[in-house]
Amino acid sequence: MAVSGTWRPMRAHDMAAVKAISDAVHGRYTEDEAIYAERLSLHPAGCFVFEEAGRVLGYLIAHPWQAGGVPAFNARLGAIPEKPGSYYLHDLALLPDARGSGAGRAALALIVAQARSEGLGEIWLTAVNGADRYWASQGFEAVEAPDPAGYDETCRRMNMRVPTA
């Protein structure tokens, strides 16, 4: 089935759909709904949902963070750092219907543009469930570093330099 959805800003009423998608996609790496809601309240400019005909098929959450730092899994941030050194792609999740539609590439373009607009030159993420292969194909490189809190040895910290416009 071809999908022709669009990314739009996330709103508070999207949280149930975001949580359901996370549960379906991430397995043991799903987080509490309160974590997603906090990210939206702290940095709405980095939160989007992928929607087609009123149905939410995916979501994207990202925010400024400490250079090279990774927030602990399923933990509240409390605040965005006053002087962030990078942009952190917290989560991109797409239901199977949306995969292969270009939604992932479009989401990355949104985050790259946001990082640029905030003057942040790199993007970090933690790849779970084998997603490191996808992120490597999008220009991210694995970084050897201790496992962030709450993640195991199968997860990969990855980063990419924000391409110049």
N, C-alpha and C. Protein backbone atom coordinates (compact mmCIF):
# COMPACT_ATOMS: atom_id res chain seq x y z
N MET A 1 0.83 -1.18 0.00
CA MET A 1 0.00 0.00 0.00
C MET A 1 0.88 1.24 0.00
N ALA A 2 0.73 2.11 -0.98
CA ALA A 2 1.50 3.35 -1.05
C ALA A 2 0.93 4.37 -0.07
N VAL A 3 1.81 5.01 0.66
CA VAL A 3 1.41 6.00 1.65
C VAL A 3 1.85 7.37 1.16
N SER A 4 0.99 8.34 1.31
CA SER A 4 1.34 9.69 0.89
C SER A 4 1.11 10.67 2.04
N GLY A 5 1.47 10.27 3.24
CA GLY A 5 1.27 11.11 4.41
C GLY A 5 2.21 12.29 4.46
N THR A 6 2.04 13.09 5.49
CA THR A 6 2.88 14.26 5.71
C THR A 6 3.26 14.36 7.19
N TRP A 7 4.38 15.00 7.43
CA TRP A 7 4.80 15.30 8.80
C TRP A 7 4.12 16.60 9.21
N ARG A 8 3.60 16.63 10.42
CA ARG A 8 3.02 17.83 10.99
C ARG A 8 3.48 17.95 12.44
N PRO A 9 3.41 19.17 13.00
CA PRO A 9 3.81 19.31 14.41
C PRO A 9 2.98 18.41 15.32
N MET A 10 3.64 17.81 16.28
CA MET A 10 2.98 16.97 17.27
C MET A 10 2.19 17.86 18.22
N ARG A 11 1.06 17.34 18.68
CA ARG A 11 0.24 18.04 19.66
C ARG A 11 -0.01 17.10 20.84
N ALA A 12 -0.40 17.67 21.96
CA ALA A 12 -0.61 16.88 23.17
C ALA A 12 -1.61 15.75 22.94
N HIS A 13 -2.64 15.98 22.14
CA HIS A 13 -3.64 14.92 21.92
C HIS A 13 -3.11 13.76 21.08
N ASP A 14 -1.88 13.86 20.56
CA ASP A 14 -1.26 12.76 19.81
C ASP A 14 -0.58 11.73 20.70
N MET A 15 -0.48 11.99 22.01
CA MET A 15 0.32 11.12 22.89
C MET A 15 -0.13 9.67 22.89
N ALA A 16 -1.43 9.40 22.88
CA ALA A 16 -1.88 8.00 22.89
C ALA A 16 -1.41 7.28 21.63
N ALA A 17 -1.48 7.94 20.48
CA ALA A 17 -1.01 7.34 19.23
C ALA A 17 0.51 7.15 19.26
N VAL A 18 1.23 8.13 19.78
CA VAL A 18 2.69 8.03 19.88
C VAL A 18 3.07 6.83 20.75
N LYS A 19 2.42 6.69 21.88
CA LYS A 19 2.72 5.57 22.78
C LYS A 19 2.39 4.23 22.12
N ALA A 20 1.26 4.15 21.43
CA ALA A 20 0.88 2.90 20.76
C ALA A 20 1.89 2.53 19.68
N ILE A 21 2.36 3.52 18.92
CA ILE A 21 3.36 3.25 17.88
C ILE A 21 4.67 2.81 18.52
N SER A 22 5.08 3.48 19.58
CA SER A 22 6.30 3.09 20.28
C SER A 22 6.20 1.65 20.77
N ASP A 23 5.08 1.29 21.37
CA ASP A 23 4.90 -0.08 21.85
C ASP A 23 5.01 -1.08 20.71
N ALA A 24 4.42 -0.75 19.56
CA ALA A 24 4.42 -1.66 18.42
C ALA A 24 5.79 -1.78 17.76
N VAL A 25 6.55 -0.71 17.76
CA VAL A 25 7.81 -0.67 17.03
C VAL A 25 9.03 -1.02 17.90
N HIS A 26 9.05 -0.55 19.13
CA HIS A 26 10.28 -0.63 19.92
C HIS A 26 10.40 -1.79 20.90
N GLY A 27 9.34 -2.53 21.13
CA GLY A 27 9.45 -3.65 22.06
C GLY A 27 9.94 -3.21 23.42
N ARG A 28 11.02 -3.81 23.88
CA ARG A 28 11.51 -3.49 25.24
C ARG A 28 12.02 -2.05 25.34
N TYR A 29 12.25 -1.39 24.22
CA TYR A 29 12.73 -0.01 24.26
C TYR A 29 11.62 1.03 24.10
N THR A 30 10.39 0.62 24.36
CA THR A 30 9.32 1.61 24.43
C THR A 30 9.46 2.37 25.76
N GLU A 31 9.02 3.59 25.77
CA GLU A 31 9.12 4.41 26.98
C GLU A 31 7.74 4.80 27.47
N ASP A 32 7.69 5.30 28.69
CA ASP A 32 6.43 5.76 29.26
C ASP A 32 5.90 6.95 28.47
N GLU A 33 4.60 7.06 28.37
CA GLU A 33 3.97 8.17 27.66
C GLU A 33 4.43 9.53 28.22
N ALA A 34 4.67 9.58 29.52
CA ALA A 34 5.11 10.83 30.15
C ALA A 34 6.45 11.32 29.58
N ILE A 35 7.30 10.41 29.12
CA ILE A 35 8.59 10.79 28.55
C ILE A 35 8.36 11.55 27.24
N TYR A 36 7.49 11.02 26.40
CA TYR A 36 7.19 11.68 25.13
C TYR A 36 6.51 13.03 25.36
N ALA A 37 5.60 13.06 26.32
CA ALA A 37 4.89 14.30 26.63
C ALA A 37 5.87 15.36 27.15
N GLU A 38 6.84 14.95 27.95
CA GLU A 38 7.82 15.92 28.45
C GLU A 38 8.67 16.48 27.31
N ARG A 39 9.11 15.61 26.39
CA ARG A 39 9.91 16.08 25.26
C ARG A 39 9.12 17.11 24.46
N LEU A 40 7.83 16.84 24.23
CA LEU A 40 6.98 17.78 23.51
C LEU A 40 6.87 19.10 24.27
N SER A 41 6.71 19.06 25.57
CA SER A 41 6.58 20.30 26.34
C SER A 41 7.89 21.09 26.40
N LEU A 42 9.03 20.38 26.42
CA LEU A 42 10.33 21.05 26.49
C LEU A 42 10.80 21.61 25.16
N HIS A 43 10.49 20.89 24.06
CA HIS A 43 11.01 21.32 22.76
C HIS A 43 10.03 20.94 21.64
N PRO A 44 8.92 21.64 21.56
CA PRO A 44 7.93 21.30 20.52
C PRO A 44 8.47 21.43 19.10
N ALA A 45 9.49 22.25 18.89
CA ALA A 45 10.04 22.44 17.54
C ALA A 45 10.66 21.17 16.99
N GLY A 46 10.94 20.17 17.83
CA GLY A 46 11.55 18.92 17.38
C GLY A 46 10.60 17.74 17.41
N CYS A 47 9.30 17.99 17.57
CA CYS A 47 8.33 16.90 17.71
C CYS A 47 7.29 16.94 16.59
N PHE A 48 7.16 15.82 15.89
CA PHE A 48 6.27 15.72 14.73
C PHE A 48 5.58 14.36 14.72
N VAL A 49 4.45 14.30 14.02
CA VAL A 49 3.82 13.02 13.73
C VAL A 49 3.64 12.92 12.22
N PHE A 50 3.73 11.69 11.72
CA PHE A 50 3.50 11.41 10.31
C PHE A 50 2.07 10.93 10.19
N GLU A 51 1.29 11.63 9.40
CA GLU A 51 -0.14 11.38 9.35
C GLU A 51 -0.62 11.23 7.90
N GLU A 52 -1.55 10.31 7.73
CA GLU A 52 -2.21 10.17 6.43
C GLU A 52 -3.70 9.98 6.69
N ALA A 53 -4.50 10.83 6.08
CA ALA A 53 -5.97 10.76 6.19
C ALA A 53 -6.42 10.68 7.65
N GLY A 54 -5.77 11.48 8.51
CA GLY A 54 -6.15 11.54 9.92
C GLY A 54 -5.60 10.42 10.78
N ARG A 55 -4.87 9.49 10.20
CA ARG A 55 -4.28 8.37 10.96
C ARG A 55 -2.80 8.63 11.19
N VAL A 56 -2.38 8.59 12.44
CA VAL A 56 -0.97 8.77 12.78
C VAL A 56 -0.24 7.46 12.54
N LEU A 57 0.76 7.51 11.64
CA LEU A 57 1.53 6.31 11.26
C LEU A 57 2.97 6.33 11.77
N GLY A 58 3.36 7.44 12.39
CA GLY A 58 4.72 7.53 12.89
C GLY A 58 4.91 8.80 13.69
N TYR A 59 6.05 8.88 14.34
CA TYR A 59 6.38 10.09 15.09
C TYR A 59 7.89 10.30 15.10
N LEU A 60 8.25 11.52 15.42
CA LEU A 60 9.65 11.96 15.47
C LEU A 60 9.80 12.88 16.67
N ILE A 61 10.80 12.62 17.49
CA ILE A 61 11.08 13.47 18.65
C ILE A 61 12.58 13.73 18.69
N ALA A 62 12.94 15.00 18.74
CA ALA A 62 14.35 15.39 18.83
C ALA A 62 14.45 16.69 19.62
N HIS A 63 15.64 16.94 20.15
CA HIS A 63 15.82 18.15 20.98
C HIS A 63 17.31 18.47 21.13
N PRO A 64 17.63 19.71 21.45
CA PRO A 64 19.02 20.05 21.75
C PRO A 64 19.49 19.28 22.99
N TRP A 65 20.79 18.94 23.01
CA TRP A 65 21.34 18.21 24.14
C TRP A 65 22.83 18.48 24.25
N GLN A 66 23.46 17.87 25.24
CA GLN A 66 24.89 18.03 25.47
C GLN A 66 25.67 17.31 24.37
N ALA A 67 26.74 17.91 23.90
CA ALA A 67 27.55 17.29 22.85
C ALA A 67 28.00 15.90 23.28
N GLY A 68 27.68 14.91 22.45
CA GLY A 68 28.10 13.55 22.73
C GLY A 68 27.31 12.86 23.81
N GLY A 69 26.42 13.57 24.45
CA GLY A 69 25.65 12.99 25.55
C GLY A 69 24.43 12.25 25.05
N VAL A 70 24.00 11.29 25.83
CA VAL A 70 22.80 10.53 25.52
C VAL A 70 21.93 10.51 26.77
N PRO A 71 20.71 11.01 26.67
CA PRO A 71 19.82 10.94 27.84
C PRO A 71 19.57 9.48 28.23
N ALA A 72 19.40 9.24 29.50
CA ALA A 72 19.11 7.89 29.97
C ALA A 72 17.77 7.42 29.40
N PHE A 73 17.68 6.14 29.16
CA PHE A 73 16.46 5.53 28.63
C PHE A 73 15.31 5.69 29.63
N ASN A 74 14.15 6.09 29.10
CA ASN A 74 12.91 6.19 29.86
C ASN A 74 13.04 7.09 31.08
N ALA A 75 13.81 8.16 30.93
CA ALA A 75 14.02 9.11 32.04
C ALA A 75 13.70 10.52 31.57
N ARG A 76 13.11 11.28 32.45
CA ARG A 76 12.80 12.67 32.14
C ARG A 76 14.09 13.49 32.05
N LEU A 77 14.04 14.52 31.21
CA LEU A 77 15.19 15.42 31.05
C LEU A 77 15.19 16.51 32.12
N GLY A 78 14.02 16.99 32.46
CA GLY A 78 13.91 18.11 33.39
C GLY A 78 13.98 19.45 32.69
N ALA A 79 14.97 19.59 31.79
CA ALA A 79 15.16 20.84 31.05
C ALA A 79 16.08 20.58 29.87
N ILE A 80 16.03 21.46 28.92
CA ILE A 80 16.98 21.45 27.80
C ILE A 80 18.20 22.24 28.27
N PRO A 81 19.41 21.77 28.02
CA PRO A 81 20.60 22.52 28.46
C PRO A 81 20.60 23.95 27.90
N GLU A 82 21.06 24.89 28.72
CA GLU A 82 21.13 26.29 28.29
C GLU A 82 22.09 26.48 27.12
N LYS A 83 23.18 25.73 27.11
CA LYS A 83 24.16 25.81 26.03
C LYS A 83 24.37 24.41 25.45
N PRO A 84 23.42 23.94 24.67
CA PRO A 84 23.56 22.60 24.10
C PRO A 84 24.69 22.55 23.08
N GLY A 85 25.28 21.38 22.93
CA GLY A 85 26.36 21.22 21.97
C GLY A 85 25.98 20.40 20.76
N SER A 86 24.79 19.81 20.80
CA SER A 86 24.36 18.97 19.67
C SER A 86 22.85 18.86 19.69
N TYR A 87 22.34 18.19 18.68
CA TYR A 87 20.92 17.89 18.60
C TYR A 87 20.79 16.39 18.82
N TYR A 88 19.82 15.97 19.60
CA TYR A 88 19.64 14.55 19.89
C TYR A 88 18.35 14.05 19.26
N LEU A 89 18.47 13.08 18.39
CA LEU A 89 17.31 12.47 17.77
C LEU A 89 16.84 11.38 18.73
N HIS A 90 15.88 11.74 19.54
CA HIS A 90 15.39 10.83 20.58
C HIS A 90 14.71 9.62 19.99
N ASP A 91 13.88 9.83 18.98
CA ASP A 91 13.10 8.71 18.48
C ASP A 91 12.48 9.02 17.13
N LEU A 92 12.56 8.07 16.24
CA LEU A 92 11.81 8.07 14.99
C LEU A 92 11.21 6.69 14.89
N ALA A 93 9.89 6.61 14.85
CA ALA A 93 9.20 5.33 14.76
C ALA A 93 8.12 5.41 13.70
N LEU A 94 8.10 4.43 12.82
CA LEU A 94 7.11 4.35 11.75
C LEU A 94 6.45 2.98 11.77
N LEU A 95 5.12 2.98 11.66
CA LEU A 95 4.40 1.72 11.51
C LEU A 95 4.75 1.12 10.15
N PRO A 96 4.61 -0.19 9.99
CA PRO A 96 4.95 -0.83 8.71
C PRO A 96 4.30 -0.18 7.49
N ASP A 97 3.07 0.30 7.60
CA ASP A 97 2.41 0.95 6.47
C ASP A 97 3.17 2.17 5.95
N ALA A 98 3.93 2.82 6.81
CA ALA A 98 4.64 4.05 6.41
C ALA A 98 6.08 3.79 5.96
N ARG A 99 6.59 2.61 6.20
CA ARG A 99 7.97 2.31 5.82
C ARG A 99 8.09 2.21 4.31
N GLY A 100 9.19 2.70 3.78
CA GLY A 100 9.40 2.70 2.35
C GLY A 100 8.70 3.84 1.63
N SER A 101 8.08 4.72 2.37
CA SER A 101 7.33 5.84 1.78
C SER A 101 8.17 7.10 1.62
N GLY A 102 9.38 7.09 2.16
CA GLY A 102 10.20 8.30 2.18
C GLY A 102 10.01 9.10 3.46
N ALA A 103 9.14 8.62 4.36
CA ALA A 103 8.87 9.33 5.61
C ALA A 103 10.13 9.44 6.47
N GLY A 104 10.96 8.41 6.49
CA GLY A 104 12.19 8.45 7.29
C GLY A 104 13.16 9.51 6.79
N ARG A 105 13.35 9.56 5.48
CA ARG A 105 14.24 10.58 4.90
C ARG A 105 13.68 11.98 5.14
N ALA A 106 12.36 12.14 5.01
CA ALA A 106 11.74 13.44 5.25
C ALA A 106 11.90 13.85 6.71
N ALA A 107 11.79 12.89 7.62
CA ALA A 107 11.97 13.18 9.05
C ALA A 107 13.39 13.65 9.33
N LEU A 108 14.36 12.96 8.74
CA LEU A 108 15.75 13.36 8.94
C LEU A 108 15.99 14.76 8.39
N ALA A 109 15.39 15.09 7.26
CA ALA A 109 15.53 16.44 6.71
C ALA A 109 14.96 17.48 7.67
N LEU A 110 13.85 17.17 8.33
CA LEU A 110 13.28 18.09 9.32
C LEU A 110 14.26 18.34 10.46
N ILE A 111 14.88 17.26 10.94
CA ILE A 111 15.81 17.37 12.07
C ILE A 111 17.09 18.10 11.67
N VAL A 112 17.60 17.82 10.50
CA VAL A 112 18.79 18.52 10.02
C VAL A 112 18.50 20.02 9.93
N ALA A 113 17.35 20.37 9.37
CA ALA A 113 16.98 21.79 9.26
C ALA A 113 16.84 22.43 10.64
N GLN A 114 16.26 21.70 11.59
CA GLN A 114 16.09 22.25 12.94
C GLN A 114 17.44 22.43 13.62
N ALA A 115 18.33 21.45 13.49
CA ALA A 115 19.66 21.56 14.09
C ALA A 115 20.40 22.76 13.51
N ARG A 116 20.32 22.92 12.20
CA ARG A 116 20.95 24.08 11.54
C ARG A 116 20.40 25.38 12.10
N SER A 117 19.07 25.46 12.20
CA SER A 117 18.44 26.71 12.64
C SER A 117 18.83 27.05 14.07
N GLU A 118 19.19 26.04 14.85
CA GLU A 118 19.61 26.27 16.24
C GLU A 118 21.13 26.36 16.38
N GLY A 119 21.83 26.33 15.25
CA GLY A 119 23.28 26.48 15.27
C GLY A 119 24.02 25.27 15.83
N LEU A 120 23.42 24.09 15.73
CA LEU A 120 24.03 22.87 16.26
C LEU A 120 24.60 22.05 15.11
N GLY A 121 25.88 21.71 15.18
CA GLY A 121 26.58 21.11 14.06
C GLY A 121 26.61 19.60 14.01
N GLU A 122 26.01 18.93 14.99
CA GLU A 122 25.98 17.48 14.94
C GLU A 122 24.69 16.96 15.54
N ILE A 123 24.33 15.75 15.11
CA ILE A 123 23.14 15.08 15.59
C ILE A 123 23.57 13.72 16.15
N TRP A 124 23.08 13.40 17.33
CA TRP A 124 23.36 12.12 17.98
C TRP A 124 22.07 11.32 18.08
N LEU A 125 22.21 10.00 18.17
CA LEU A 125 21.08 9.11 18.44
C LEU A 125 21.60 7.83 19.05
N THR A 126 20.68 7.05 19.58
CA THR A 126 20.98 5.71 20.06
C THR A 126 20.11 4.76 19.25
N ALA A 127 20.74 3.93 18.43
CA ALA A 127 20.01 2.99 17.58
C ALA A 127 19.70 1.73 18.38
N VAL A 128 18.44 1.31 18.34
CA VAL A 128 18.02 0.10 19.03
C VAL A 128 17.43 -0.88 18.02
N ASN A 129 17.36 -2.13 18.42
CA ASN A 129 16.70 -3.17 17.62
C ASN A 129 17.26 -3.29 16.20
N GLY A 130 18.57 -3.10 16.03
CA GLY A 130 19.18 -3.25 14.72
C GLY A 130 19.02 -2.07 13.78
N ALA A 131 18.49 -0.95 14.28
CA ALA A 131 18.27 0.23 13.42
C ALA A 131 19.57 0.91 13.00
N ASP A 132 20.71 0.49 13.57
CA ASP A 132 21.98 1.11 13.19
C ASP A 132 22.26 0.95 11.70
N ARG A 133 21.80 -0.12 11.08
CA ARG A 133 22.00 -0.30 9.63
C ARG A 133 21.26 0.80 8.85
N TYR A 134 20.04 1.08 9.26
CA TYR A 134 19.28 2.15 8.60
C TYR A 134 19.99 3.49 8.80
N TRP A 135 20.36 3.80 10.04
CA TRP A 135 20.97 5.11 10.30
C TRP A 135 22.32 5.25 9.60
N ALA A 136 23.08 4.18 9.49
CA ALA A 136 24.34 4.25 8.74
C ALA A 136 24.06 4.60 7.28
N SER A 137 22.98 4.07 6.72
CA SER A 137 22.64 4.38 5.33
C SER A 137 22.21 5.83 5.15
N GLN A 138 21.89 6.49 6.26
CA GLN A 138 21.47 7.90 6.23
C GLN A 138 22.62 8.85 6.58
N GLY A 139 23.83 8.31 6.78
CA GLY A 139 24.99 9.15 7.04
C GLY A 139 25.48 9.18 8.47
N PHE A 140 24.88 8.42 9.36
CA PHE A 140 25.34 8.36 10.75
C PHE A 140 26.47 7.34 10.87
N GLU A 141 27.36 7.60 11.81
CA GLU A 141 28.47 6.69 12.08
C GLU A 141 28.39 6.21 13.51
N ALA A 142 28.68 4.93 13.72
CA ALA A 142 28.70 4.37 15.07
C ALA A 142 29.88 4.95 15.83
N VAL A 143 29.68 5.19 17.10
CA VAL A 143 30.72 5.74 17.97
C VAL A 143 30.92 4.76 19.12
N GLU A 144 32.16 4.34 19.31
CA GLU A 144 32.46 3.45 20.43
C GLU A 144 32.41 4.27 21.71
N ALA A 145 31.51 3.90 22.59
CA ALA A 145 31.34 4.61 23.85
C ALA A 145 30.62 3.68 24.81
N PRO A 146 30.72 3.96 26.10
CA PRO A 146 29.98 3.13 27.06
C PRO A 146 28.49 3.18 26.76
N ASP A 147 27.80 2.08 27.08
CA ASP A 147 26.36 2.03 26.87
C ASP A 147 25.69 3.10 27.74
N PRO A 148 24.81 3.91 27.14
CA PRO A 148 24.08 4.88 27.95
C PRO A 148 23.16 4.16 28.95
N ALA A 149 22.81 4.83 30.01
CA ALA A 149 21.98 4.24 31.05
C ALA A 149 20.67 3.70 30.48
N GLY A 150 20.40 2.44 30.79
CA GLY A 150 19.15 1.82 30.39
C GLY A 150 19.21 1.08 29.06
N TYR A 151 20.30 1.21 28.33
CA TYR A 151 20.46 0.51 27.05
C TYR A 151 21.43 -0.65 27.24
N ASP A 152 21.38 -1.62 26.35
CA ASP A 152 22.31 -2.74 26.47
C ASP A 152 23.35 -2.72 25.35
N GLU A 153 24.20 -3.74 25.31
CA GLU A 153 25.33 -3.77 24.38
C GLU A 153 24.90 -3.92 22.92
N THR A 154 23.64 -4.23 22.64
CA THR A 154 23.19 -4.32 21.25
C THR A 154 22.85 -2.95 20.65
N CYS A 155 22.72 -1.95 21.50
CA CYS A 155 22.38 -0.60 21.04
C CYS A 155 23.65 0.12 20.59
N ARG A 156 23.50 1.04 19.68
CA ARG A 156 24.66 1.76 19.14
C ARG A 156 24.46 3.26 19.25
N ARG A 157 25.43 3.93 19.84
CA ARG A 157 25.45 5.39 19.80
C ARG A 157 25.97 5.77 18.44
N MET A 158 25.32 6.76 17.83
CA MET A 158 25.71 7.16 16.48
C MET A 158 25.63 8.68 16.36
N ASN A 159 26.43 9.22 15.45
CA ASN A 159 26.31 10.66 15.20
C ASN A 159 26.62 10.98 13.75
N MET A 160 26.21 12.18 13.39
CA MET A 160 26.55 12.70 12.06
C MET A 160 26.73 14.20 12.18
N ARG A 161 27.62 14.71 11.35
CA ARG A 161 27.79 16.16 11.23
C ARG A 161 26.60 16.68 10.44
N VAL A 162 26.10 17.82 10.83
CA VAL A 162 24.98 18.43 10.11
C VAL A 162 25.53 18.98 8.81
N PRO A 163 25.02 18.49 7.68
CA PRO A 163 25.53 18.99 6.39
C PRO A 163 25.25 20.49 6.24
N THR A 164 26.18 21.19 5.61
CA THR A 164 25.96 22.61 5.37
C THR A 164 24.90 22.76 4.28
N ALA A 165 24.19 23.85 4.37
CA ALA A 165 23.08 24.07 3.42
C ALA A 165 23.58 24.27 2.01
